[in-house]
Protein backbone atom coordinates (compact mmCIF):
# COMPACT_ATOMS: atom_id res chain seq x y z
CA UNK A 1 30.63 160.54 10.51
CA UNK A 2 28.08 159.54 13.15
CA UNK A 3 25.27 161.82 14.24
CA UNK A 4 24.04 160.48 17.58
CA UNK A 5 20.84 162.50 17.54
CA UNK A 6 19.67 160.86 14.29
CA UNK A 7 18.40 157.38 13.54
CA UNK A 8 20.94 155.27 11.62
CA UNK A 9 18.93 155.57 8.39
CA UNK A 10 18.92 159.37 8.77
CA UNK A 11 22.64 159.38 9.60
CA UNK A 12 23.27 157.71 6.26
CA UNK A 13 21.20 160.28 4.38
CA UNK A 14 23.05 163.14 6.09
CA UNK A 15 26.41 161.50 5.29
CA UNK A 16 25.33 161.08 1.66
CA UNK A 17 24.49 164.78 1.44
CA UNK A 18 27.93 165.64 2.80
CA UNK A 19 29.62 163.33 0.29
CA UNK A 20 27.77 164.82 -2.65
CA UNK A 21 28.76 168.31 -1.52
CA UNK A 22 32.38 167.15 -1.55
CA UNK A 23 31.88 165.61 -5.00
CA UNK A 24 30.52 168.91 -6.34
CA UNK A 25 33.41 170.85 -4.81
CA UNK A 26 35.93 168.43 -6.33
CA UNK A 27 34.25 168.59 -9.74
CA UNK A 28 34.37 172.39 -9.66
CA UNK A 29 38.03 172.44 -8.58
CA UNK A 30 38.95 169.76 -11.11
CA UNK A 31 37.26 171.71 -13.87
CA UNK A 32 39.28 174.82 -13.03
CA UNK A 33 42.56 172.88 -12.85
CA UNK A 34 42.03 170.59 -15.86
CA UNK A 35 44.36 170.64 -18.84
CA UNK A 36 42.47 168.53 -21.37
CA UNK A 37 38.98 167.58 -22.46
CA UNK A 38 39.17 164.10 -20.91
CA UNK A 39 39.35 165.66 -17.46
CA UNK A 40 36.46 167.93 -18.38
CA UNK A 41 34.35 164.88 -19.16
CA UNK A 42 35.40 163.21 -15.92
CA UNK A 43 34.47 166.21 -13.78
CA UNK A 44 31.25 166.73 -15.71
CA UNK A 45 30.20 163.16 -14.98
CA UNK A 46 31.23 163.57 -11.33
CA UNK A 47 29.16 166.76 -11.03
CA UNK A 48 26.13 165.28 -12.79
CA UNK A 49 26.26 162.17 -10.61
CA UNK A 50 26.55 164.26 -7.46
CA UNK A 51 23.50 166.34 -8.37
CA UNK A 52 21.46 163.22 -9.14
CA UNK A 53 22.43 161.65 -5.82
CA UNK A 54 21.76 164.91 -3.99
CA UNK A 55 18.26 165.11 -5.46
CA UNK A 56 17.53 161.53 -4.39
CA UNK A 57 18.91 162.06 -0.88
CA UNK A 58 16.98 165.32 -0.42
CA UNK A 59 13.79 163.57 -1.52
CA UNK A 60 14.40 160.78 0.97
CA UNK A 61 15.18 163.30 3.71
CA UNK A 62 11.86 165.04 3.03
CA UNK A 63 10.10 161.69 3.20
CA UNK A 64 11.65 161.04 6.61
CA UNK A 65 10.68 164.53 7.79
CA UNK A 66 7.07 163.90 6.75
CA UNK A 67 7.09 160.59 8.63
CA UNK A 68 8.33 162.41 11.74
CA UNK A 69 11.61 160.51 11.84
CA UNK A 70 13.99 163.38 11.09
CA UNK A 71 14.70 165.76 13.93
CA UNK A 72 14.20 169.34 12.77
CA UNK A 73 17.40 170.60 14.42
CA UNK A 74 19.43 167.96 12.55
CA UNK A 75 19.61 169.50 9.09
C-alpha cells in the first residue's frame, strides 16, 4: 500500500507495521484453530517474530518523528 503523504522510507515502516498486525492476528487465529502442538509452535514463532519486528519498526518510526520526517497526521 502506498501512502502519498509519507516519504518512501516512512511508507515502508507504516507497511511493516500493518504486516506485523496481520501476522499477530493470524497467529492468534491459528492458535485457536490448531489441532496439534506443531501448529502451536508455528504460531508461537509467528507471534514472537511479529512482536520483535513491531518493536523495531516502532523504534524506527520514533526516530523518524524525532528527525521531523514523519508527518504527525500519518500514524
